[in-house]
Amino acid sequence: MKSMAMQELHAAGTSEASRSAVATWREAHHRFRLLAIMDHGKSSALPEAWQSYGTIDTARSGAREMLNDQRVLRVAIIEDRPPLQFVEWVGR
């Protein structure tokens, strides 16, 4: 009886800790990426396409830097987590 109660307590504590760890991981990994729509060429040549941005404001700033290249028509900001989610377009 005593060992059964201990197992239940352990299971409850373990599941609570794992839920907390998953929530913390999701919050820590909430990042943004940029996808460029190009007139010609490949967006992989742009350094901003390889970066991960921690806030939407830094992603917008990176998108404005991308738009300085005349080949870039528009930039999509997406959330960098599966599944990828569209956030907004940044254009000229």
Protein backbone atom coordinates (compact mmCIF):
# COMPACT_ATOMS: atom_id res chain seq x y z
CA MET A 1 0.00 0.00 0.00
CA LYS A 2 2.77 2.41 0.95
CA SER A 3 4.79 1.66 -2.20
CA MET A 4 1.68 2.19 -4.35
CA ALA A 5 1.18 5.68 -2.87
CA MET A 6 4.86 6.50 -3.48
CA GLN A 7 4.58 5.40 -7.13
CA GLU A 8 1.52 7.61 -7.65
CA LEU A 9 3.31 10.61 -6.11
CA HIS A 10 6.37 9.99 -8.30
CA ALA A 11 4.22 9.67 -11.45
CA ALA A 12 2.32 12.89 -10.64
CA GLY A 13 5.55 14.82 -10.01
CA THR A 14 7.21 13.48 -13.15
CA SER A 15 4.31 14.38 -15.44
CA GLU A 16 4.08 17.88 -13.93
CA ALA A 17 7.82 18.42 -14.45
CA SER A 18 7.68 17.24 -18.05
CA ARG A 19 4.75 19.59 -18.84
CA SER A 20 6.71 22.46 -17.30
CA ALA A 21 9.82 21.57 -19.31
CA VAL A 22 7.87 21.46 -22.58
CA ALA A 23 6.26 24.85 -21.86
CA THR A 24 9.66 26.36 -21.06
CA TRP A 25 11.20 24.90 -24.23
CA ARG A 26 8.39 26.35 -26.37
CA GLU A 27 8.77 29.80 -24.84
CA ALA A 28 12.56 29.77 -25.19
CA HIS A 29 12.43 28.62 -28.83
CA HIS A 30 9.82 31.08 -30.07
CA ARG A 31 11.79 32.56 -32.89
CA PHE A 32 11.21 33.99 -36.35
CA ARG A 33 12.78 33.45 -39.77
CA LEU A 34 12.61 35.35 -43.05
CA LEU A 35 11.63 34.01 -46.47
CA ALA A 36 12.48 36.23 -49.41
CA ILE A 37 10.52 36.35 -52.66
CA MET A 38 13.17 37.12 -55.25
CA ASP A 39 13.06 38.61 -58.75
CA HIS A 40 16.05 36.46 -59.69
CA GLY A 41 18.74 34.60 -57.80
CA LYS A 42 18.53 32.57 -54.61
CA SER A 43 17.62 33.89 -51.18
CA SER A 44 20.21 31.58 -49.62
CA ALA A 45 22.86 34.10 -50.73
CA LEU A 46 21.40 36.65 -48.29
CA PRO A 47 22.80 36.46 -44.73
CA GLU A 48 19.45 37.53 -43.22
CA ALA A 49 17.82 34.36 -44.59
CA TRP A 50 20.07 32.20 -42.40
CA GLN A 51 19.46 34.04 -39.13
CA SER A 52 16.89 33.30 -36.46
CA TYR A 53 15.30 36.37 -34.87
CA GLY A 54 14.19 36.41 -31.23
CA THR A 55 11.49 39.07 -31.57
CA ILE A 56 9.14 40.26 -34.27
CA ASP A 57 10.80 43.69 -34.20
CA THR A 58 14.25 42.27 -34.94
CA ALA A 59 12.72 40.15 -37.72
CA ARG A 60 11.14 43.28 -39.23
CA SER A 61 14.50 45.03 -39.06
CA GLY A 62 16.16 42.09 -40.83
CA ALA A 63 13.42 42.16 -43.48
CA ARG A 64 14.09 45.85 -44.13
CA GLU A 65 17.79 45.02 -44.57
CA MET A 66 16.84 42.29 -47.05
CA LEU A 67 14.70 44.73 -49.03
CA ASN A 68 17.78 46.89 -49.64
CA ASP A 69 18.79 44.24 -52.18
CA GLN A 70 17.02 45.14 -55.46
CA ARG A 71 16.41 41.45 -56.27
CA VAL A 72 14.16 41.02 -53.21
CA LEU A 73 10.50 41.76 -53.95
CA ARG A 74 8.85 40.89 -50.64
CA VAL A 75 9.78 39.17 -47.39
CA ALA A 76 7.61 36.83 -45.35
CA ILE A 77 8.16 36.55 -41.61
CA ILE A 78 7.41 33.07 -40.30
CA GLU A 79 7.57 31.43 -36.88
CA ASP A 80 10.57 29.12 -36.64
CA ARG A 81 8.86 26.10 -35.09
CA PRO A 82 7.06 23.11 -36.52
CA PRO A 83 4.70 23.51 -38.20
CA LEU A 84 5.94 26.72 -39.80
CA GLN A 85 3.41 29.51 -39.37
CA PHE A 86 3.12 32.66 -41.46
CA VAL A 87 3.23 35.91 -39.42
CA GLU A 88 3.27 38.82 -41.88
CA TRP A 89 4.53 40.20 -45.18
CA VAL A 90 7.05 43.01 -45.40
CA GLY A 91 7.19 44.83 -48.73
CA ARG A 92 8.61 47.93 -50.27
